[in-house]
PDB file of N, CA and C in Angstrom:
ATOM      1  N   ASP A   1      41.235 -22.096  78.365  1.00  0.00           N
ATOM      2  CA  ASP A   1      41.346 -22.288  79.803  1.00  0.00           C
ATOM      3  C   ASP A   1      40.703 -23.605  80.211  1.00  0.00           C
ATOM      4  N   ALA A   2      41.319 -24.276  81.157  1.00  0.00           N
ATOM      5  CA  ALA A   2      40.750 -25.487  81.749  1.00  0.00           C
ATOM      6  C   ALA A   2      41.003 -25.432  83.245  1.00  0.00           C
ATOM      7  N   TRP A   3      40.053 -25.922  84.016  1.00  0.00           N
ATOM      8  CA  TRP A   3      40.144 -25.949  85.473  1.00  0.00           C
ATOM      9  C   TRP A   3      39.915 -27.362  85.963  1.00  0.00           C
ATOM     10  N   ALA A   4      40.545 -27.725  87.083  1.00  0.00           N
ATOM     11  CA  ALA A   4      40.333 -29.009  87.746  1.00  0.00           C
ATOM     12  C   ALA A   4      40.325 -28.760  89.251  1.00  0.00           C
ATOM     13  N   VAL A   5      39.499 -29.515  89.977  1.00  0.00           N
ATOM     14  CA  VAL A   5      39.396 -29.362  91.432  1.00  0.00           C
ATOM     15  C   VAL A   5      39.556 -30.715  92.107  1.00  0.00           C
ATOM     16  N   GLY A   6      39.848 -30.694  93.431  1.00  0.00           N
ATOM     17  CA  GLY A   6      40.023 -31.943  94.155  1.00  0.00           C
ATOM     18  C   GLY A   6      40.045 -31.754  95.653  1.00  0.00           C
ATOM     19  N   ASP A   7      40.620 -32.727  96.353  1.00  0.00           N
ATOM     20  CA  ASP A   7      40.660 -32.733  97.811  1.00  0.00           C
ATOM     21  C   ASP A   7      41.493 -31.576  98.362  1.00  0.00           C
ATOM     22  N   ASN A   8      41.201 -31.242  99.627  1.00  0.00           N
ATOM     23  CA  ASN A   8      41.957 -30.212 100.354  1.00  0.00           C
ATOM     24  C   ASN A   8      41.961 -28.861  99.657  1.00  0.00           C
ATOM     25  N   GLY A   9      40.881 -28.519  98.966  1.00  0.00           N
ATOM     26  CA  GLY A   9      40.779 -27.219  98.310  1.00  0.00           C
ATOM     27  C   GLY A   9      41.635 -27.064  97.076  1.00  0.00           C
ATOM     28  N   THR A  10      42.084 -28.181  96.513  1.00  0.00           N
ATOM     29  CA  THR A  10      42.950 -28.126  95.334  1.00  0.00           C
ATOM     30  C   THR A  10      42.201 -27.567  94.125  1.00  0.00           C
ATOM     31  N   ILE A  11      42.791 -26.547  93.519  1.00  0.00           N
ATOM     32  CA  ILE A  11      42.289 -26.011  92.249  1.00  0.00           C
ATOM     33  C   ILE A  11      43.492 -25.833  91.323  1.00  0.00           C
ATOM     34  N   LEU A  12      43.377 -26.408  90.136  1.00  0.00           N
ATOM     35  CA  LEU A  12      44.422 -26.283  89.128  1.00  0.00           C
ATOM     36  C   LEU A  12      43.856 -25.570  87.910  1.00  0.00           C
ATOM     37  N   HIS A  13      44.687 -24.759  87.278  1.00  0.00           N
ATOM     38  CA  HIS A  13      44.288 -24.029  86.076  1.00  0.00           C
ATOM     39  C   HIS A  13      45.300 -24.287  84.970  1.00  0.00           C
ATOM     40  N   SER A  14      44.807 -24.508  83.768  1.00  0.00           N
ATOM     41  CA  SER A  14      45.686 -24.712  82.617  1.00  0.00           C
ATOM     42  C   SER A  14      45.389 -23.668  81.551  1.00  0.00           C
ATOM     43  N   ASP A  15      46.451 -23.155  80.964  1.00  0.00           N
ATOM     44  CA  ASP A  15      46.326 -22.235  79.839  1.00  0.00           C
ATOM     45  C   ASP A  15      46.411 -22.988  78.509  1.00  0.00           C
ATOM     46  N   GLY A  16      46.392 -24.306  78.571  1.00  0.00           N
ATOM     47  CA  GLY A  16      46.511 -25.138  77.387  1.00  0.00           C
ATOM     48  C   GLY A  16      47.906 -25.691  77.207  1.00  0.00           C
ATOM     49  N   VAL A  17      48.855 -25.171  77.990  1.00  0.00           N
ATOM     50  CA  VAL A  17      50.234 -25.651  77.923  1.00  0.00           C
ATOM     51  C   VAL A  17      50.657 -26.187  79.285  1.00  0.00           C
ATOM     52  N   LEU A  18      50.494 -25.399  80.322  1.00  0.00           N
ATOM     53  CA  LEU A  18      50.921 -25.760  81.669  1.00  0.00           C
ATOM     54  C   LEU A  18      49.752 -25.760  82.641  1.00  0.00           C
ATOM     55  N   TRP A  19      49.852 -26.621  83.674  1.00  0.00           N
ATOM     56  CA  TRP A  19      48.911 -26.619  84.786  1.00  0.00           C
ATOM     57  C   TRP A  19      49.571 -25.904  85.960  1.00  0.00           C
ATOM     58  N   ASN A  20      48.838 -24.989  86.588  1.00  0.00           N
ATOM     59  CA  ASN A  20      49.330 -24.251  87.747  1.00  0.00           C
ATOM     60  C   ASN A  20      48.318 -24.327  88.875  1.00  0.00           C
ATOM     61  N   ALA A  21      48.821 -24.409  90.109  1.00  0.00           N
ATOM     62  CA  ALA A  21      47.943 -24.402  91.284  1.00  0.00           C
ATOM     63  C   ALA A  21      47.395 -23.003  91.495  1.00  0.00           C
ATOM     64  N   SER A  22      46.139 -22.943  91.918  1.00  0.00           N
ATOM     65  CA  SER A  22      45.476 -21.689  92.234  1.00  0.00           C
ATOM     66  C   SER A  22      45.093 -21.728  93.711  1.00  0.00           C
ATOM     67  N   VAL A  23      45.338 -20.672  94.450  1.00  0.00           N
ATOM     68  CA  VAL A  23      45.030 -20.638  95.878  1.00  0.00           C
ATOM     69  C   VAL A  23      43.517 -20.494  96.062  1.00  0.00           C
ATOM     70  N   SER A  24      42.903 -21.524  96.667  1.00  0.00           N
ATOM     71  CA  SER A  24      41.447 -21.530  96.821  1.00  0.00           C
ATOM     72  C   SER A  24      40.976 -20.861  98.104  1.00  0.00           C
ATOM     73  N   GLY A  25      41.831 -20.873  99.123  1.00  0.00           N
ATOM     74  CA  GLY A  25      41.422 -20.305 100.402  1.00  0.00           C
ATOM     75  C   GLY A  25      40.598 -21.249 101.256  1.00  0.00           C
ATOM     76  N   THR A  26      40.493 -22.519 100.853  1.00  0.00           N
ATOM     77  CA  THR A  26      39.743 -23.503 101.632  1.00  0.00           C
ATOM     78  C   THR A  26      40.520 -24.814 101.689  1.00  0.00           C
ATOM     79  N   THR A  27      40.212 -25.609 102.702  1.00  0.00           N
ATOM     80  CA  THR A  27      40.770 -26.956 102.782  1.00  0.00           C
ATOM     81  C   THR A  27      39.685 -27.995 102.525  1.00  0.00           C
ATOM     82  N   ARG A  28      38.492 -27.544 102.216  1.00  0.00           N
ATOM     83  CA  ARG A  28      37.397 -28.469 101.906  1.00  0.00           C
ATOM     84  C   ARG A  28      37.631 -29.141 100.555  1.00  0.00           C
ATOM     85  N   ALA A  29      37.152 -30.375 100.453  1.00  0.00           N
ATOM     86  CA  ALA A  29      37.220 -31.089  99.177  1.00  0.00           C
ATOM     87  C   ALA A  29      36.309 -30.396  98.177  1.00  0.00           C
ATOM     88  N   LEU A  30      36.784 -30.231  96.967  1.00  0.00           N
ATOM     89  CA  LEU A  30      35.990 -29.631  95.897  1.00  0.00           C
ATOM     90  C   LEU A  30      35.680 -30.710  94.871  1.00  0.00           C
ATOM     91  N   ARG A  31      34.454 -30.733  94.384  1.00  0.00           N
ATOM     92  CA  ARG A  31      33.991 -31.828  93.531  1.00  0.00           C
ATOM     93  C   ARG A  31      33.683 -31.440  92.097  1.00  0.00           C
ATOM     94  N   SER A  32      33.441 -30.162  91.824  1.00  0.00           N
ATOM     95  CA  SER A  32      33.067 -29.786  90.461  1.00  0.00           C
ATOM     96  C   SER A  32      33.433 -28.323  90.220  1.00  0.00           C
ATOM     97  N   VAL A  33      33.721 -28.014  88.957  1.00  0.00           N
ATOM     98  CA  VAL A  33      34.046 -26.637  88.573  1.00  0.00           C
ATOM     99  C   VAL A  33      33.396 -26.358  87.220  1.00  0.00           C
ATOM    100  N   TRP A  34      32.923 -25.133  87.035  1.00  0.00           N
ATOM    101  CA  TRP A  34      32.281 -24.719  85.784  1.00  0.00           C
ATOM    102  C   TRP A  34      32.494 -23.221  85.617  1.00  0.00           C
ATOM    103  N   GLY A  35      32.632 -22.787  84.385  1.00  0.00           N
ATOM    104  CA  GLY A  35      32.783 -21.364  84.139  1.00  0.00           C
ATOM    105  C   GLY A  35      32.166 -20.927  82.835  1.00  0.00           C
ATOM    106  N   SER A  36      31.759 -19.651  82.806  1.00  0.00           N
ATOM    107  CA  SER A  36      31.182 -19.072  81.596  1.00  0.00           C
ATOM    108  C   SER A  36      32.145 -18.095  80.934  1.00  0.00           C
ATOM    109  N   SER A  37      33.213 -17.708  81.672  1.00  0.00           N
ATOM    110  CA  SER A  37      34.206 -16.779  81.135  1.00  0.00           C
ATOM    111  C   SER A  37      35.451 -16.839  82.009  1.00  0.00           C
ATOM    112  N   GLY A  38      36.485 -16.137  81.628  1.00  0.00           N
ATOM    113  CA  GLY A  38      37.720 -16.123  82.384  1.00  0.00           C
ATOM    114  C   GLY A  38      37.597 -15.505  83.763  1.00  0.00           C
ATOM    115  N   ASN A  39      36.532 -14.738  83.991  1.00  0.00           N
ATOM    116  CA  ASN A  39      36.311 -14.151  85.315  1.00  0.00           C
ATOM    117  C   ASN A  39      34.964 -14.553  85.912  1.00  0.00           C
ATOM    118  N   GLY A  40      34.441 -15.657  85.442  1.00  0.00           N
ATOM    119  CA  GLY A  40      33.175 -16.178  85.948  1.00  0.00           C
ATOM    120  C   GLY A  40      33.227 -17.683  86.113  1.00  0.00           C
ATOM    121  N   VAL A  41      34.087 -18.152  87.023  1.00  0.00           N
ATOM    122  CA  VAL A  41      34.266 -19.588  87.250  1.00  0.00           C
ATOM    123  C   VAL A  41      33.787 -19.907  88.663  1.00  0.00           C
ATOM    124  N   TRP A  42      33.086 -21.033  88.807  1.00  0.00           N
ATOM    125  CA  TRP A  42      32.543 -21.462  90.098  1.00  0.00           C
ATOM    126  C   TRP A  42      33.043 -22.855  90.432  1.00  0.00           C
ATOM    127  N   ALA A  43      33.318 -23.108  91.711  1.00  0.00           N
ATOM    128  CA  ALA A  43      33.703 -24.438  92.189  1.00  0.00           C
ATOM    129  C   ALA A  43      32.835 -24.769  93.403  1.00  0.00           C
ATOM    130  N   VAL A  44      32.449 -26.045  93.550  1.00  0.00           N
ATOM    131  CA  VAL A  44      31.610 -26.471  94.670  1.00  0.00           C
ATOM    132  C   VAL A  44      32.153 -27.755  95.274  1.00  0.00           C
ATOM    133  N   GLY A  45      31.731 -28.028  96.532  1.00  0.00           N
ATOM    134  CA  GLY A  45      32.186 -29.258  97.159  1.00  0.00           C
ATOM    135  C   GLY A  45      31.667 -29.478  98.562  1.00  0.00           C
ATOM    136  N   GLU A  46      32.580 -29.951  99.411  1.00  0.00           N
ATOM    137  CA  GLU A  46      32.297 -30.415 100.760  1.00  0.00           C
ATOM    138  C   GLU A  46      31.548 -29.390 101.614  1.00  0.00           C
ATOM    139  N   LEU A  47      30.520 -29.891 102.317  1.00  0.00           N
ATOM    140  CA  LEU A  47      29.758 -29.091 103.282  1.00  0.00           C
ATOM    141  C   LEU A  47      29.252 -27.774 102.697  1.00  0.00           C
ATOM    142  N   GLY A  48      28.772 -27.822 101.470  1.00  0.00           N
ATOM    143  CA  GLY A  48      28.191 -26.644 100.835  1.00  0.00           C
ATOM    144  C   GLY A  48      29.191 -25.617 100.353  1.00  0.00           C
ATOM    145  N   ALA A  49      30.445 -26.003 100.190  1.00  0.00           N
ATOM    146  CA  ALA A  49      31.463 -25.046  99.717  1.00  0.00           C
ATOM    147  C   ALA A  49      31.102 -24.531  98.325  1.00  0.00           C
ATOM    148  N   ILE A  50      31.106 -23.213  98.186  1.00  0.00           N
ATOM    149  CA  ILE A  50      30.907 -22.557  96.893  1.00  0.00           C
ATOM    150  C   ILE A  50      31.970 -21.470  96.779  1.00  0.00           C
ATOM    151  N   LEU A  51      32.765 -21.534  95.718  1.00  0.00           N
ATOM    152  CA  LEU A  51      33.813 -20.537  95.484  1.00  0.00           C
ATOM    153  C   LEU A  51      33.619 -19.907  94.117  1.00  0.00           C
ATOM    154  N   HIS A  52      33.950 -18.620  94.004  1.00  0.00           N
ATOM    155  CA  HIS A  52      33.849 -17.900  92.733  1.00  0.00           C
ATOM    156  C   HIS A  52      35.195 -17.300  92.361  1.00  0.00           C
ATOM    157  N   TRP A  53      35.604 -17.502  91.103  1.00  0.00           N
ATOM    158  CA  TRP A  53      36.829 -16.918  90.559  1.00  0.00           C
ATOM    159  C   TRP A  53      36.453 -15.673  89.767  1.00  0.00           C
ATOM    160  N   ASN A  54      37.008 -14.527  90.141  1.00  0.00           N
ATOM    161  CA  ASN A  54      36.675 -13.261  89.488  1.00  0.00           C
ATOM    162  C   ASN A  54      37.729 -12.830  88.472  1.00  0.00           C
ATOM    163  N   GLY A  55      38.634 -13.727  88.144  1.00  0.00           N
ATOM    164  CA  GLY A  55      39.706 -13.420  87.217  1.00  0.00           C
ATOM    165  C   GLY A  55      41.031 -13.168  87.909  1.00  0.00           C
ATOM    166  N   ARG A  56      40.966 -12.942  89.241  1.00  0.00           N
ATOM    167  CA  ARG A  56      42.175 -12.684  90.021  1.00  0.00           C
ATOM    168  C   ARG A  56      42.299 -13.562  91.252  1.00  0.00           C
ATOM    169  N   SER A  57      41.154 -13.863  91.899  1.00  0.00           N
ATOM    170  CA  SER A  57      41.202 -14.658  93.130  1.00  0.00           C
ATOM    171  C   SER A  57      39.882 -15.389  93.335  1.00  0.00           C
ATOM    172  N   TRP A  58      39.946 -16.413  94.198  1.00  0.00           N
ATOM    173  CA  TRP A  58      38.766 -17.174  94.587  1.00  0.00           C
ATOM    174  C   TRP A  58      38.171 -16.557  95.849  1.00  0.00           C
ATOM    175  N   THR A  59      36.854 -16.399  95.880  1.00  0.00           N
ATOM    176  CA  THR A  59      36.175 -15.910  97.072  1.00  0.00           C
ATOM    177  C   THR A  59      35.019 -16.856  97.408  1.00  0.00           C
ATOM    178  N   PRO A  60      34.792 -17.099  98.706  1.00  0.00           N
ATOM    179  CA  PRO A  60      33.682 -17.972  99.085  1.00  0.00           C
ATOM    180  C   PRO A  60      32.346 -17.251  98.924  1.00  0.00           C
ATOM    181  N   SER A  61      31.323 -18.032  98.625  1.00  0.00           N
ATOM    182  CA  SER A  61      29.948 -17.533  98.565  1.00  0.00           C
ATOM    183  C   SER A  61      29.122 -18.301  99.571  1.00  0.00           C
ATOM    184  N   ALA A  62      28.115 -17.649 100.119  1.00  0.00           N
ATOM    185  CA  ALA A  62      27.233 -18.293 101.091  1.00  0.00           C
ATOM    186  C   ALA A  62      26.467 -19.426 100.425  1.00  0.00           C
ATOM    187  N   ALA A  63      26.431 -20.571 101.098  1.00  0.00           N
ATOM    188  CA  ALA A  63      25.708 -21.732 100.580  1.00  0.00           C
ATOM    189  C   ALA A  63      24.376 -21.870 101.309  1.00  0.00           C
ATOM    190  N   PRO A  64      23.336 -22.233 100.591  1.00  0.00           N
ATOM    191  CA  PRO A  64      22.037 -22.428 101.222  1.00  0.00           C
ATOM    192  C   PRO A  64      21.896 -23.797 101.885  1.00  0.00           C
ATOM    193  N   THR A  65      22.965 -24.591 101.905  1.00  0.00           N
ATOM    194  CA  THR A  65      22.905 -25.940 102.458  1.00  0.00           C
ATOM    195  C   THR A  65      24.271 -26.340 103.009  1.00  0.00           C
ATOM    196  N   PRO A  66      24.299 -27.168 104.060  1.00  0.00           N
ATOM    197  CA  PRO A  66      25.562 -27.712 104.538  1.00  0.00           C
ATOM    198  C   PRO A  66      25.906 -29.055 103.866  1.00  0.00           C
ATOM    199  N   ALA A  67      25.059 -29.501 102.931  1.00  0.00           N
ATOM    200  CA  ALA A  67      25.282 -30.783 102.259  1.00  0.00           C
ATOM    201  C   ALA A  67      26.421 -30.669 101.250  1.00  0.00           C
ATOM    202  N   TRP A  68      27.009 -31.805 100.914  1.00  0.00           N
ATOM    203  CA  TRP A  68      28.040 -31.836  99.874  1.00  0.00           C
ATOM    204  C   TRP A  68      27.418 -31.420  98.546  1.00  0.00           C
ATOM    205  N   LEU A  69      28.068 -30.529  97.843  1.00  0.00           N
ATOM    206  CA  LEU A  69      27.657 -30.160  96.496  1.00  0.00           C
ATOM    207  C   LEU A  69      28.582 -30.899  95.533  1.00  0.00           C
ATOM    208  N   ASN A  70      27.988 -31.668  94.625  1.00  0.00           N
ATOM    209  CA  ASN A  70      28.756 -32.587  93.788  1.00  0.00           C
ATOM    210  C   ASN A  70      28.913 -32.163  92.339  1.00  0.00           C
ATOM    211  N   ALA A  71      28.101 -31.226  91.882  1.00  0.00           N
ATOM    212  CA  ALA A  71      28.184 -30.798  90.489  1.00  0.00           C
ATOM    213  C   ALA A  71      27.679 -29.373  90.356  1.00  0.00           C
ATOM    214  N   ILE A  72      28.211 -28.677  89.367  1.00  0.00           N
ATOM    215  CA  ILE A  72      27.779 -27.311  89.076  1.00  0.00           C
ATOM    216  C   ILE A  72      27.715 -27.148  87.569  1.00  0.00           C
ATOM    217  N   TRP A  73      26.751 -26.374  87.109  1.00  0.00           N
ATOM    218  CA  TRP A  73      26.569 -26.125  85.686  1.00  0.00           C
ATOM    219  C   TRP A  73      25.812 -24.819  85.539  1.00  0.00           C
ATOM    220  N   GLY A  74      25.984 -24.182  84.411  1.00  0.00           N
ATOM    221  CA  GLY A  74      25.259 -22.946  84.168  1.00  0.00           C
ATOM    222  C   GLY A  74      24.909 -22.765  82.718  1.00  0.00           C
ATOM    223  N   ASN A  75      24.092 -21.758  82.514  1.00  0.00           N
ATOM    224  CA  ASN A  75      23.675 -21.377  81.175  1.00  0.00           C
ATOM    225  C   ASN A  75      24.108 -19.946  80.892  1.00  0.00           C
ATOM    226  N   GLY A  76      25.034 -19.461  81.690  1.00  0.00           N
ATOM    227  CA  GLY A  76      25.516 -18.094  81.571  1.00  0.00           C
ATOM    228  C   GLY A  76      25.931 -17.577  82.934  1.00  0.00           C
ATOM    229  N   ARG A  77      26.520 -16.407  82.951  1.00  0.00           N
ATOM    230  CA  ARG A  77      27.077 -15.833  84.177  1.00  0.00           C
ATOM    231  C   ARG A  77      26.056 -15.676  85.306  1.00  0.00           C
ATOM    232  N   SER A  78      24.806 -15.403  84.984  1.00  0.00           N
ATOM    233  CA  SER A  78      23.807 -15.180  86.018  1.00  0.00           C
ATOM    234  C   SER A  78      22.793 -16.321  86.133  1.00  0.00           C
ATOM    235  N   ASP A  79      23.121 -17.479  85.579  1.00  0.00           N
ATOM    236  CA  ASP A  79      22.226 -18.636  85.638  1.00  0.00           C
ATOM    237  C   ASP A  79      23.067 -19.882  85.927  1.00  0.00           C
ATOM    238  N   VAL A  80      23.436 -20.069  87.207  1.00  0.00           N
ATOM    239  CA  VAL A  80      24.336 -21.141  87.623  1.00  0.00           C
ATOM    240  C   VAL A  80      23.640 -21.992  88.688  1.00  0.00           C
ATOM    241  N   TRP A  81      23.762 -23.325  88.560  1.00  0.00           N
ATOM    242  CA  TRP A  81      23.081 -24.258  89.450  1.00  0.00           C
ATOM    243  C   TRP A  81      24.069 -25.274  90.018  1.00  0.00           C
ATOM    244  N   ALA A  82      23.863 -25.650  91.289  1.00  0.00           N
ATOM    245  CA  ALA A  82      24.663 -26.699  91.925  1.00  0.00           C
ATOM    246  C   ALA A  82      23.726 -27.730  92.512  1.00  0.00           C
ATOM    247  N   VAL A  83      24.126 -29.005  92.467  1.00  0.00           N
ATOM    248  CA  VAL A  83      23.341 -30.088  93.054  1.00  0.00           C
ATOM    249  C   VAL A  83      24.243 -30.908  93.951  1.00  0.00           C
ATOM    250  N   GLY A  84      23.614 -31.577  94.933  1.00  0.00           N
ATOM    251  CA  GLY A  84      24.432 -32.344  95.865  1.00  0.00           C
ATOM    252  C   GLY A  84      23.673 -33.443  96.563  1.00  0.00           C
ATOM    253  N   ASP A  85      24.266 -33.939  97.648  1.00  0.00           N
ATOM    254  CA  ASP A  85      23.692 -35.026  98.423  1.00  0.00           C
ATOM    255  C   ASP A  85      22.318 -34.665  98.955  1.00  0.00           C
ATOM    256  N   GLY A  86      21.414 -35.612  98.896  1.00  0.00           N
ATOM    257  CA  GLY A  86      20.076 -35.396  99.414  1.00  0.00           C
ATOM    258  C   GLY A  86      19.222 -34.514  98.516  1.00  0.00           C
ATOM    259  N   GLY A  87      19.742 -34.166  97.346  1.00  0.00           N
ATOM    260  CA  GLY A  87      18.960 -33.387  96.387  1.00  0.00           C
ATOM    261  C   GLY A  87      18.963 -31.890  96.580  1.00  0.00           C
ATOM    262  N   PRO A  88      19.812 -31.291  97.451  1.00  0.00           N
ATOM    263  CA  PRO A  88      19.757 -29.836  97.567  1.00  0.00           C
ATOM    264  C   PRO A  88      20.190 -29.175  96.266  1.00  0.00           C
ATOM    265  N   MET A  89      19.639 -28.029  96.022  1.00  0.00           N
ATOM    266  CA  MET A  89      19.990 -27.296  94.826  1.00  0.00           C
ATOM    267  C   MET A  89      20.215 -25.829  95.183  1.00  0.00           C
ATOM    268  N   ALA A  90      21.243 -25.236  94.643  1.00  0.00           N
ATOM    269  CA  ALA A  90      21.540 -23.831  94.873  1.00  0.00           C
ATOM    270  C   ALA A  90      21.587 -23.124  93.539  1.00  0.00           C
ATOM    271  N   SER A  91      21.032 -21.947  93.461  1.00  0.00           N
ATOM    272  CA  SER A  91      21.004 -21.180  92.221  1.00  0.00           C
ATOM    273  C   SER A  91      21.671 -19.837  92.415  1.00  0.00           C
ATOM    274  N   ARG A  92      22.458 -19.439  91.449  1.00  0.00           N
ATOM    275  CA  ARG A  92      23.059 -18.106  91.431  1.00  0.00           C
ATOM    276  C   ARG A  92      22.435 -17.384  90.265  1.00  0.00           C
ATOM    277  N   ASN A  93      21.363 -16.639  90.531  1.00  0.00           N
ATOM    278  CA  ASN A  93      20.736 -15.860  89.447  1.00  0.00           C
ATOM    279  C   ASN A  93      20.116 -14.614  89.985  1.00  0.00           C
TER     280      ASN A  93
END
C-alpha cells in the first residue's frame, strides 16, 4: 500500500498497480500521510487538519492546534506524532 496527499483534501491510494482517489471529507490542504497498517493511516495538514483511515473511510480527529501540520510519523498504532508551523506538536497515544 502507498498513500499520497495534497491540496483540496486530495488523498490517493495505490495497491502497487493503480492509484485511486479516496474521499477525504475535507477541502483543506493535506501535507503528510503515515500509516502503521491497512486500517491505521493518518493524514495531516491545513489549519490543524487530522484525518484517520480505519480501513474503510477517513474520519476527522480533533486537533490541539489551528496551525498547519506539516508532517506526521509514528512508532506504532498508538504512538503517532504530528509537527507543524510554530512548533506545535500533537500526539495520538
